[in-house]
PDB file of N, CA and C in Angstrom:
ATOM      1  N   MET A   1       4.191  27.614   6.043  1.00  0.00           N
ATOM      2  CA  MET A   1       3.858  26.371   6.689  1.00  0.00           C
ATOM      3  C   MET A   1       5.132  25.599   6.982  1.00  0.00           C
ATOM      4  N   LYS A   2       5.108  24.960   8.132  1.00  0.00           N
ATOM      5  CA  LYS A   2       6.202  24.068   8.511  1.00  0.00           C
ATOM      6  C   LYS A   2       5.625  22.659   8.623  1.00  0.00           C
ATOM      7  N   PHE A   3       6.491  21.672   8.497  1.00  0.00           N
ATOM      8  CA  PHE A   3       6.062  20.280   8.540  1.00  0.00           C
ATOM      9  C   PHE A   3       6.672  19.611   9.761  1.00  0.00           C
ATOM     10  N   TYR A   4       5.821  18.926  10.514  1.00  0.00           N
ATOM     11  CA  TYR A   4       6.255  18.278  11.746  1.00  0.00           C
ATOM     12  C   TYR A   4       5.960  16.785  11.673  1.00  0.00           C
ATOM     13  N   GLU A   5       6.993  16.002  11.940  1.00  0.00           N
ATOM     14  CA  GLU A   5       6.872  14.550  11.900  1.00  0.00           C
ATOM     15  C   GLU A   5       6.883  14.025  13.338  1.00  0.00           C
ATOM     16  N   PHE A   6       5.814  13.348  13.693  1.00  0.00           N
ATOM     17  CA  PHE A   6       5.688  12.741  15.016  1.00  0.00           C
ATOM     18  C   PHE A   6       6.102  11.282  14.876  1.00  0.00           C
ATOM     19  N   ASP A   7       7.397  11.046  14.852  1.00  0.00           N
ATOM     20  CA  ASP A   7       7.899   9.692  14.603  1.00  0.00           C
ATOM     21  C   ASP A   7       8.399   8.987  15.862  1.00  0.00           C
ATOM     22  N   LYS A   8       8.411   9.684  16.988  1.00  0.00           N
ATOM     23  CA  LYS A   8       8.854   9.065  18.242  1.00  0.00           C
ATOM     24  C   LYS A   8       7.671   8.790  19.169  1.00  0.00           C
ATOM     25  N   TYR A   9       6.493   9.085  18.697  1.00  0.00           N
ATOM     26  CA  TYR A   9       5.279   8.931  19.491  1.00  0.00           C
ATOM     27  C   TYR A   9       4.649   7.568  19.222  1.00  0.00           C
ATOM     28  N   GLU A  10       3.669   7.218  20.044  1.00  0.00           N
ATOM     29  CA  GLU A  10       3.007   5.920  19.884  1.00  0.00           C
ATOM     30  C   GLU A  10       2.438   5.760  18.475  1.00  0.00           C
ATOM     31  N   TYR A  11       1.836   6.820  17.946  1.00  0.00           N
ATOM     32  CA  TYR A  11       1.268   6.783  16.597  1.00  0.00           C
ATOM     33  C   TYR A  11       1.955   7.829  15.726  1.00  0.00           C
ATOM     34  N   TYR A  12       2.355   7.415  14.545  1.00  0.00           N
ATOM     35  CA  TYR A  12       3.033   8.302  13.598  1.00  0.00           C
ATOM     36  C   TYR A  12       2.042   9.320  13.025  1.00  0.00           C
ATOM     37  N   ALA A  13       2.534  10.520  12.764  1.00  0.00           N
ATOM     38  CA  ALA A  13       1.747  11.522  12.045  1.00  0.00           C
ATOM     39  C   ALA A  13       2.689  12.512  11.372  1.00  0.00           C
ATOM     40  N   LEU A  14       2.219  13.054  10.264  1.00  0.00           N
ATOM     41  CA  LEU A  14       2.891  14.155   9.573  1.00  0.00           C
ATOM     42  C   LEU A  14       1.881  15.290   9.528  1.00  0.00           C
ATOM     43  N   ILE A  15       2.218  16.384  10.195  1.00  0.00           N
ATOM     44  CA  ILE A  15       1.284  17.491  10.358  1.00  0.00           C
ATOM     45  C   ILE A  15       1.922  18.783   9.874  1.00  0.00           C
ATOM     46  N   GLY A  16       1.153  19.554   9.130  1.00  0.00           N
ATOM     47  CA  GLY A  16       1.576  20.876   8.692  1.00  0.00           C
ATOM     48  C   GLY A  16       0.943  21.920   9.594  1.00  0.00           C
ATOM     49  N   ALA A  17       1.724  22.917   9.984  1.00  0.00           N
ATOM     50  CA  ALA A  17       1.215  23.978  10.853  1.00  0.00           C
ATOM     51  C   ALA A  17       2.155  25.175  10.767  1.00  0.00           C
ATOM     52  N   GLU A  18       1.675  26.297  11.253  1.00  0.00           N
ATOM     53  CA  GLU A  18       2.501  27.497  11.275  1.00  0.00           C
ATOM     54  C   GLU A  18       3.593  27.406  12.341  1.00  0.00           C
ATOM     55  N   ASN A  19       3.331  26.611  13.386  1.00  0.00           N
ATOM     56  CA  ASN A  19       4.321  26.462  14.454  1.00  0.00           C
ATOM     57  C   ASN A  19       4.139  25.118  15.155  1.00  0.00           C
ATOM     58  N   GLU A  20       5.112  24.773  15.966  1.00  0.00           N
ATOM     59  CA  GLU A  20       5.114  23.481  16.656  1.00  0.00           C
ATOM     60  C   GLU A  20       3.920  23.321  17.595  1.00  0.00           C
ATOM     61  N   ASP A  21       3.547  24.398  18.284  1.00  0.00           N
ATOM     62  CA  ASP A  21       2.413  24.318  19.212  1.00  0.00           C
ATOM     63  C   ASP A  21       1.135  23.904  18.492  1.00  0.00           C
ATOM     64  N   ASN A  22       0.878  24.496  17.331  1.00  0.00           N
ATOM     65  CA  ASN A  22      -0.314  24.130  16.566  1.00  0.00           C
ATOM     66  C   ASN A  22      -0.229  22.696  16.057  1.00  0.00           C
ATOM     67  N   ALA A  23       0.958  22.250  15.706  1.00  0.00           N
ATOM     68  CA  ALA A  23       1.131  20.863  15.259  1.00  0.00           C
ATOM     69  C   ALA A  23       0.813  19.899  16.401  1.00  0.00           C
ATOM     70  N   ILE A  24       1.246  20.232  17.597  1.00  0.00           N
ATOM     71  CA  ILE A  24       0.962  19.380  18.757  1.00  0.00           C
ATOM     72  C   ILE A  24      -0.536  19.355  19.045  1.00  0.00           C
ATOM     73  N   VAL A  25      -1.195  20.495  18.938  1.00  0.00           N
ATOM     74  CA  VAL A  25      -2.652  20.540  19.104  1.00  0.00           C
ATOM     75  C   VAL A  25      -3.315  19.625  18.078  1.00  0.00           C
ATOM     76  N   GLY A  26      -2.853  19.682  16.834  1.00  0.00           N
ATOM     77  CA  GLY A  26      -3.394  18.819  15.791  1.00  0.00           C
ATOM     78  C   GLY A  26      -3.207  17.354  16.118  1.00  0.00           C
ATOM     79  N   TYR A  27      -2.049  17.015  16.636  1.00  0.00           N
ATOM     80  CA  TYR A  27      -1.781  15.620  17.003  1.00  0.00           C
ATOM     81  C   TYR A  27      -2.778  15.166  18.068  1.00  0.00           C
ATOM     82  N   ILE A  28      -2.953  15.972  19.088  1.00  0.00           N
ATOM     83  CA  ILE A  28      -3.847  15.611  20.193  1.00  0.00           C
ATOM     84  C   ILE A  28      -5.302  15.548  19.722  1.00  0.00           C
ATOM     85  N   GLU A  29      -5.735  16.492  18.896  1.00  0.00           N
ATOM     86  CA  GLU A  29      -7.131  16.538  18.458  1.00  0.00           C
ATOM     87  C   GLU A  29      -7.482  15.460  17.437  1.00  0.00           C
ATOM     88  N   VAL A  30      -6.530  15.081  16.588  1.00  0.00           N
ATOM     89  CA  VAL A  30      -6.847  14.167  15.493  1.00  0.00           C
ATOM     90  C   VAL A  30      -6.256  12.774  15.683  1.00  0.00           C
ATOM     91  N   VAL A  31      -5.039  12.700  16.173  1.00  0.00           N
ATOM     92  CA  VAL A  31      -4.328  11.420  16.200  1.00  0.00           C
ATOM     93  C   VAL A  31      -4.530  10.701  17.529  1.00  0.00           C
ATOM     94  N   ALA A  32      -3.984  11.228  18.593  1.00  0.00           N
ATOM     95  CA  ALA A  32      -4.065  10.562  19.897  1.00  0.00           C
ATOM     96  C   ALA A  32      -3.606  11.509  20.995  1.00  0.00           C
ATOM     97  N   ASP A  33      -4.005  11.182  22.204  1.00  0.00           N
ATOM     98  CA  ASP A  33      -3.481  11.912  23.355  1.00  0.00           C
ATOM     99  C   ASP A  33      -1.989  11.635  23.471  1.00  0.00           C
ATOM    100  N   ILE A  34      -1.281  12.582  24.030  1.00  0.00           N
ATOM    101  CA  ILE A  34       0.146  12.387  24.265  1.00  0.00           C
ATOM    102  C   ILE A  34       0.298  11.748  25.641  1.00  0.00           C
ATOM    103  N   GLU A  35       0.889  10.571  25.650  1.00  0.00           N
ATOM    104  CA  GLU A  35       1.058   9.811  26.888  1.00  0.00           C
ATOM    105  C   GLU A  35       2.085  10.491  27.797  1.00  0.00           C
ATOM    106  N   GLU A  36       2.018  10.179  29.064  1.00  0.00           N
ATOM    107  CA  GLU A  36       2.914  10.787  30.058  1.00  0.00           C
ATOM    108  C   GLU A  36       4.383  10.667  29.648  1.00  0.00           C
ATOM    109  N   GLU A  37       4.784   9.481  29.189  1.00  0.00           N
ATOM    110  CA  GLU A  37       6.189   9.266  28.809  1.00  0.00           C
ATOM    111  C   GLU A  37       6.563   9.989  27.509  1.00  0.00           C
ATOM    112  N   GLU A  38       5.571  10.509  26.785  1.00  0.00           N
ATOM    113  CA  GLU A  38       5.837  11.234  25.537  1.00  0.00           C
ATOM    114  C   GLU A  38       5.881  12.749  25.739  1.00  0.00           C
ATOM    115  N   LYS A  39       5.537  13.218  26.919  1.00  0.00           N
ATOM    116  CA  LYS A  39       5.425  14.662  27.151  1.00  0.00           C
ATOM    117  C   LYS A  39       6.746  15.403  27.016  1.00  0.00           C
ATOM    118  N   ASN A  40       7.861  14.708  27.147  1.00  0.00           N
ATOM    119  CA  ASN A  40       9.172  15.341  26.986  1.00  0.00           C
ATOM    120  C   ASN A  40       9.680  15.249  25.552  1.00  0.00           C
ATOM    121  N   LEU A  41       8.898  14.657  24.673  1.00  0.00           N
ATOM    122  CA  LEU A  41       9.286  14.529  23.264  1.00  0.00           C
ATOM    123  C   LEU A  41       8.778  15.720  22.462  1.00  0.00           C
ATOM    124  N   TYR A  42       9.416  15.950  21.340  1.00  0.00           N
ATOM    125  CA  TYR A  42       8.982  17.000  20.426  1.00  0.00           C
ATOM    126  C   TYR A  42       9.004  16.437  19.015  1.00  0.00           C
ATOM    127  N   PRO A  43       8.076  16.893  18.182  1.00  0.00           N
ATOM    128  CA  PRO A  43       8.104  16.414  16.796  1.00  0.00           C
ATOM    129  C   PRO A  43       9.320  16.982  16.070  1.00  0.00           C
ATOM    130  N   ASN A  44       9.745  16.283  15.032  1.00  0.00           N
ATOM    131  CA  ASN A  44      10.856  16.763  14.207  1.00  0.00           C
ATOM    132  C   ASN A  44      10.315  17.670  13.117  1.00  0.00           C
ATOM    133  N   GLU A  45      10.922  18.834  12.965  1.00  0.00           N
ATOM    134  CA  GLU A  45      10.559  19.699  11.852  1.00  0.00           C
ATOM    135  C   GLU A  45      11.328  19.211  10.629  1.00  0.00           C
ATOM    136  N   ILE A  46      10.609  18.969   9.535  1.00  0.00           N
ATOM    137  CA  ILE A  46      11.241  18.493   8.308  1.00  0.00           C
ATOM    138  C   ILE A  46      10.928  19.453   7.167  1.00  0.00           C
ATOM    139  N   SER A  47      11.694  19.352   6.103  1.00  0.00           N
ATOM    140  CA  SER A  47      11.508  20.235   4.950  1.00  0.00           C
ATOM    141  C   SER A  47      10.300  19.798   4.126  1.00  0.00           C
ATOM    142  N   ILE A  48       9.849  20.674   3.265  1.00  0.00           N
ATOM    143  CA  ILE A  48       8.744  20.337   2.367  1.00  0.00           C
ATOM    144  C   ILE A  48       9.141  19.169   1.461  1.00  0.00           C
ATOM    145  N   LYS A  49      10.393  19.136   1.063  1.00  0.00           N
ATOM    146  CA  LYS A  49      10.881  18.047   0.212  1.00  0.00           C
ATOM    147  C   LYS A  49      10.796  16.707   0.946  1.00  0.00           C
ATOM    148  N   GLU A  50      11.212  16.692   2.209  1.00  0.00           N
ATOM    149  CA  GLU A  50      11.132  15.464   3.011  1.00  0.00           C
ATOM    150  C   GLU A  50       9.677  15.068   3.249  1.00  0.00           C
ATOM    151  N   ALA A  51       8.832  16.053   3.514  1.00  0.00           N
ATOM    152  CA  ALA A  51       7.407  15.776   3.745  1.00  0.00           C
ATOM    153  C   ALA A  51       6.771  15.178   2.491  1.00  0.00           C
ATOM    154  N   LEU A  52       7.098  15.723   1.339  1.00  0.00           N
ATOM    155  CA  LEU A  52       6.555  15.197   0.084  1.00  0.00           C
ATOM    156  C   LEU A  52       7.020  13.767  -0.150  1.00  0.00           C
ATOM    157  N   LYS A  53       8.276  13.476   0.147  1.00  0.00           N
ATOM    158  CA  LYS A  53       8.787  12.097  -0.005  1.00  0.00           C
ATOM    159  C   LYS A  53       7.961  11.118   0.816  1.00  0.00           C
ATOM    160  N   ARG A  54       7.684  11.486   2.049  1.00  0.00           N
ATOM    161  CA  ARG A  54       6.907  10.603   2.924  1.00  0.00           C
ATOM    162  C   ARG A  54       5.472  10.464   2.417  1.00  0.00           C
ATOM    163  N   TYR A  55       4.914  11.554   1.930  1.00  0.00           N
ATOM    164  CA  TYR A  55       3.540  11.553   1.427  1.00  0.00           C
ATOM    165  C   TYR A  55       3.412  10.654   0.203  1.00  0.00           C
ATOM    166  N   VAL A  56       4.361  10.753  -0.695  1.00  0.00           N
ATOM    167  CA  VAL A  56       4.337   9.960  -1.930  1.00  0.00           C
ATOM    168  C   VAL A  56       4.482   8.467  -1.633  1.00  0.00           C
ATOM    169  N   LYS A  57       5.221   8.117  -0.587  1.00  0.00           N
ATOM    170  CA  LYS A  57       5.407   6.704  -0.221  1.00  0.00           C
ATOM    171  C   LYS A  57       4.158   6.101   0.424  1.00  0.00           C
ATOM    172  N   ALA A  58       3.297   6.946   0.967  1.00  0.00           N
ATOM    173  CA  ALA A  58       2.135   6.476   1.722  1.00  0.00           C
ATOM    174  C   ALA A  58       0.988   6.061   0.798  1.00  0.00           C
ATOM    175  N   THR A  59       0.053   5.334   1.367  1.00  0.00           N
ATOM    176  CA  THR A  59      -1.181   5.001   0.663  1.00  0.00           C
ATOM    177  C   THR A  59      -2.135   6.166   0.874  1.00  0.00           C
ATOM    178  N   ILE A  60      -2.481   6.840  -0.220  1.00  0.00           N
ATOM    179  CA  ILE A  60      -3.351   8.009  -0.158  1.00  0.00           C
ATOM    180  C   ILE A  60      -4.651   7.682  -0.882  1.00  0.00           C
ATOM    181  N   GLU A  61      -5.753   7.792  -0.169  1.00  0.00           N
ATOM    182  CA  GLU A  61      -7.054   7.488  -0.759  1.00  0.00           C
ATOM    183  C   GLU A  61      -7.318   8.401  -1.956  1.00  0.00           C
ATOM    184  N   GLY A  62      -7.689   7.799  -3.076  1.00  0.00           N
ATOM    185  CA  GLY A  62      -8.000   8.556  -4.283  1.00  0.00           C
ATOM    186  C   GLY A  62      -6.796   8.879  -5.149  1.00  0.00           C
ATOM    187  N   CYS A  63      -5.612   8.478  -4.718  1.00  0.00           N
ATOM    188  CA  CYS A  63      -4.391   8.738  -5.479  1.00  0.00           C
ATOM    189  C   CYS A  63      -3.679   7.417  -5.752  1.00  0.00           C
ATOM    190  N   GLU A  64      -3.465   7.132  -7.020  1.00  0.00           N
ATOM    191  CA  GLU A  64      -2.794   5.890  -7.405  1.00  0.00           C
ATOM    192  C   GLU A  64      -1.315   6.107  -7.731  1.00  0.00           C
ATOM    193  N   THR A  65      -1.030   7.187  -8.436  1.00  0.00           N
ATOM    194  CA  THR A  65       0.323   7.402  -8.940  1.00  0.00           C
ATOM    195  C   THR A  65       1.073   8.439  -8.104  1.00  0.00           C
ATOM    196  N   GLU A  66       2.381   8.464  -8.293  1.00  0.00           N
ATOM    197  CA  GLU A  66       3.221   9.454  -7.623  1.00  0.00           C
ATOM    198  C   GLU A  66       2.806  10.867  -8.038  1.00  0.00           C
ATOM    199  N   LYS A  67       2.472  11.023  -9.306  1.00  0.00           N
ATOM    200  CA  LYS A  67       2.053  12.332  -9.820  1.00  0.00           C
ATOM    201  C   LYS A  67       0.761  12.798  -9.135  1.00  0.00           C
ATOM    202  N   GLU A  68      -0.190  11.886  -8.976  1.00  0.00           N
ATOM    203  CA  GLU A  68      -1.446  12.234  -8.303  1.00  0.00           C
ATOM    204  C   GLU A  68      -1.201  12.604  -6.842  1.00  0.00           C
ATOM    205  N   LYS A  69      -0.329  11.865  -6.181  1.00  0.00           N
ATOM    206  CA  LYS A  69      -0.018  12.155  -4.781  1.00  0.00           C
ATOM    207  C   LYS A  69       0.678  13.505  -4.639  1.00  0.00           C
ATOM    208  N   THR A  70       1.587  13.803  -5.558  1.00  0.00           N
ATOM    209  CA  THR A  70       2.290  15.088  -5.529  1.00  0.00           C
ATOM    210  C   THR A  70       1.308  16.235  -5.728  1.00  0.00           C
ATOM    211  N   ARG A  71       0.411  16.080  -6.682  1.00  0.00           N
ATOM    212  CA  ARG A  71      -0.603  17.110  -6.948  1.00  0.00           C
ATOM    213  C   ARG A  71      -1.506  17.293  -5.716  1.00  0.00           C
ATOM    214  N   ASP A  72      -1.923  16.187  -5.112  1.00  0.00           N
ATOM    215  CA  ASP A  72      -2.783  16.241  -3.933  1.00  0.00           C
ATOM    216  C   ASP A  72      -2.074  16.930  -2.762  1.00  0.00           C
ATOM    217  N   PHE A  73      -0.808  16.623  -2.569  1.00  0.00           N
ATOM    218  CA  PHE A  73      -0.007  17.226  -1.503  1.00  0.00           C
ATOM    219  C   PHE A  73       0.018  18.749  -1.649  1.00  0.00           C
ATOM    220  N   HIS A  74       0.316  19.222  -2.849  1.00  0.00           N
ATOM    221  CA  HIS A  74       0.392  20.670  -3.079  1.00  0.00           C
ATOM    222  C   HIS A  74      -0.981  21.332  -2.996  1.00  0.00           C
ATOM    223  N   LYS A  75      -2.016  20.614  -3.389  1.00  0.00           N
ATOM    224  CA  LYS A  75      -3.380  21.143  -3.281  1.00  0.00           C
ATOM    225  C   LYS A  75      -3.751  21.329  -1.810  1.00  0.00           C
ATOM    226  N   GLN A  76      -3.381  20.366  -0.985  1.00  0.00           N
ATOM    227  CA  GLN A  76      -3.671  20.479   0.447  1.00  0.00           C
ATOM    228  C   GLN A  76      -2.927  21.657   1.075  1.00  0.00           C
ATOM    229  N   ILE A  77      -1.690  21.876   0.654  1.00  0.00           N
ATOM    230  CA  ILE A  77      -0.930  23.025   1.163  1.00  0.00           C
ATOM    231  C   ILE A  77      -1.634  24.322   0.786  1.00  0.00           C
ATOM    232  N   SER A  78      -2.053  24.426  -0.456  1.00  0.00           N
ATOM    233  CA  SER A  78      -2.747  25.624  -0.934  1.00  0.00           C
ATOM    234  C   SER A  78      -4.038  25.860  -0.148  1.00  0.00           C
ATOM    235  N   ASN A  79      -4.818  24.809   0.036  1.00  0.00           N
ATOM    236  CA  ASN A  79      -6.064  24.934   0.797  1.00  0.00           C
ATOM    237  C   ASN A  79      -5.792  25.340   2.239  1.00  0.00           C
ATOM    238  N   PHE A  80      -4.763  24.748   2.832  1.00  0.00           N
ATOM    239  CA  PHE A  80      -4.412  25.074   4.210  1.00  0.00           C
ATOM    240  C   PHE A  80      -4.061  26.552   4.339  1.00  0.00           C
ATOM    241  N   GLU A  81      -3.286  27.066   3.408  1.00  0.00           N
ATOM    242  CA  GLU A  81      -2.879  28.474   3.463  1.00  0.00           C
ATOM    243  C   GLU A  81      -4.092  29.396   3.388  1.00  0.00           C
ATOM    244  N   LYS A  82      -5.110  29.006   2.617  1.00  0.00           N
ATOM    245  CA  LYS A  82      -6.349  29.793   2.552  1.00  0.00           C
ATOM    246  C   LYS A  82      -7.069  29.757   3.894  1.00  0.00           C
ATOM    247  N   TYR A  83      -7.151  28.565   4.499  1.00  0.00           N
ATOM    248  CA  TYR A  83      -7.837  28.424   5.786  1.00  0.00           C
ATOM    249  C   TYR A  83      -7.115  29.183   6.889  1.00  0.00           C
ATOM    250  N   VAL A  84      -5.791  29.127   6.896  1.00  0.00           N
ATOM    251  CA  VAL A  84      -5.015  29.836   7.915  1.00  0.00           C
ATOM    252  C   VAL A  84      -5.231  31.336   7.785  1.00  0.00           C
ATOM    253  N   SER A  85      -5.213  31.843   6.567  1.00  0.00           N
ATOM    254  CA  SER A  85      -5.389  33.281   6.363  1.00  0.00           C
ATOM    255  C   SER A  85      -6.765  33.750   6.843  1.00  0.00           C
ATOM    256  N   LYS A  86      -7.734  32.839   6.870  1.00  0.00           N
ATOM    257  CA  LYS A  86      -9.081  33.174   7.350  1.00  0.00           C
ATOM    258  C   LYS A  86      -9.262  32.811   8.821  1.00  0.00           C
ATOM    259  N   GLY A  87      -8.224  32.260   9.435  1.00  0.00           N
ATOM    260  CA  GLY A  87      -8.299  31.881  10.841  1.00  0.00           C
ATOM    261  C   GLY A  87      -9.150  30.648  11.101  1.00  0.00           C
ATOM    262  N   ILE A  88      -9.332  29.803  10.085  1.00  0.00           N
ATOM    263  CA  ILE A  88     -10.203  28.630  10.215  1.00  0.00           C
ATOM    264  C   ILE A  88      -9.476  27.431  10.804  1.00  0.00           C
ATOM    265  N   GLU A  89      -8.324  27.089  10.286  1.00  0.00           N
ATOM    266  CA  GLU A  89      -7.604  25.887  10.725  1.00  0.00           C
ATOM    267  C   GLU A  89      -6.165  26.219  11.115  1.00  0.00           C
ATOM    268  N   PRO A  90      -5.720  25.776  12.299  1.00  0.00           N
ATOM    269  CA  PRO A  90      -4.338  26.028  12.714  1.00  0.00           C
ATOM    270  C   PRO A  90      -3.358  24.931  12.294  1.00  0.00           C
ATOM    271  N   TYR A  91      -3.871  23.829  11.715  1.00  0.00           N
ATOM    272  CA  TYR A  91      -3.007  22.708  11.321  1.00  0.00           C
ATOM    273  C   TYR A  91      -3.696  21.879  10.249  1.00  0.00           C
ATOM    274  N   ILE A  92      -2.914  21.018   9.602  1.00  0.00           N
ATOM    275  CA  ILE A  92      -3.455  20.040   8.660  1.00  0.00           C
ATOM    276  C   ILE A  92      -2.696  18.732   8.864  1.00  0.00           C
ATOM    277  N   VAL A  93      -3.436  17.652   8.961  1.00  0.00           N
ATOM    278  CA  VAL A  93      -2.827  16.337   9.136  1.00  0.00           C
ATOM    279  C   VAL A  93      -2.670  15.712   7.754  1.00  0.00           C
ATOM    280  N   PHE A  94      -1.423  15.524   7.338  1.00  0.00           N
ATOM    281  CA  PHE A  94      -1.143  14.925   6.032  1.00  0.00           C
ATOM    282  C   PHE A  94      -1.149  13.403   6.101  1.00  0.00           C
ATOM    283  N   LEU A  95      -0.503  12.859   7.121  1.00  0.00           N
ATOM    284  CA  LEU A  95      -0.415  11.403   7.271  1.00  0.00           C
ATOM    285  C   LEU A  95      -0.698  11.030   8.715  1.00  0.00           C
ATOM    286  N   ILE A  96      -1.311   9.865   8.869  1.00  0.00           N
ATOM    287  CA  ILE A  96      -1.625   9.357  10.199  1.00  0.00           C
ATOM    288  C   ILE A  96      -1.324   7.867  10.221  1.00  0.00           C
ATOM    289  N   ASP A  97      -0.917   7.371  11.341  1.00  0.00           N
ATOM    290  CA  ASP A  97      -0.561   5.965  11.506  1.00  0.00           C
ATOM    291  C   ASP A  97      -1.681   5.048  11.015  1.00  0.00           C
ATOM    292  N   GLY A  98      -1.333   4.122  10.142  1.00  0.00           N
ATOM    293  CA  GLY A  98      -2.312   3.185   9.598  1.00  0.00           C
ATOM    294  C   GLY A  98      -2.936   2.291  10.645  1.00  0.00           C
ATOM    295  N   GLY A  99      -2.292   2.135  11.782  1.00  0.00           N
ATOM    296  CA  GLY A  99      -2.825   1.321  12.863  1.00  0.00           C
ATOM    297  C   GLY A  99      -4.062   1.920  13.513  1.00  0.00           C
ATOM    298  N   LEU A 100      -4.371   3.167  13.200  1.00  0.00           N
ATOM    299  CA  LEU A 100      -5.538   3.826  13.783  1.00  0.00           C
ATOM    300  C   LEU A 100      -6.807   3.595  12.975  1.00  0.00           C
ATOM    301  N   TYR A 101      -6.695   2.939  11.833  1.00  0.00           N
ATOM    302  CA  TYR A 101      -7.883   2.709  10.998  1.00  0.00           C
ATOM    303  C   TYR A 101      -8.510   1.389  11.282  1.00  0.00           C
TER     304      TYR A 101
END
């Protein structure tokens, strides 16, 4: 799994996927359409360590502590890998812009 940060787009997202194309599909399907002026942009690929840092800083429903957030992050990665191996899900959205709620 690779981690893609959509930090130059109208709405922020952190998406895990096997490749950039699947991450972009996830952004469009879950977060928002990509506006005309954003079509020349690409998400930044970040390390798992960087992705975890961002996840731990965020407000995660059902997780109060850093330890709970870390455990949840790794659980989601594990679940995603199972779904990918079965061809069920091509991406997972870890974080989404709070302005969308």
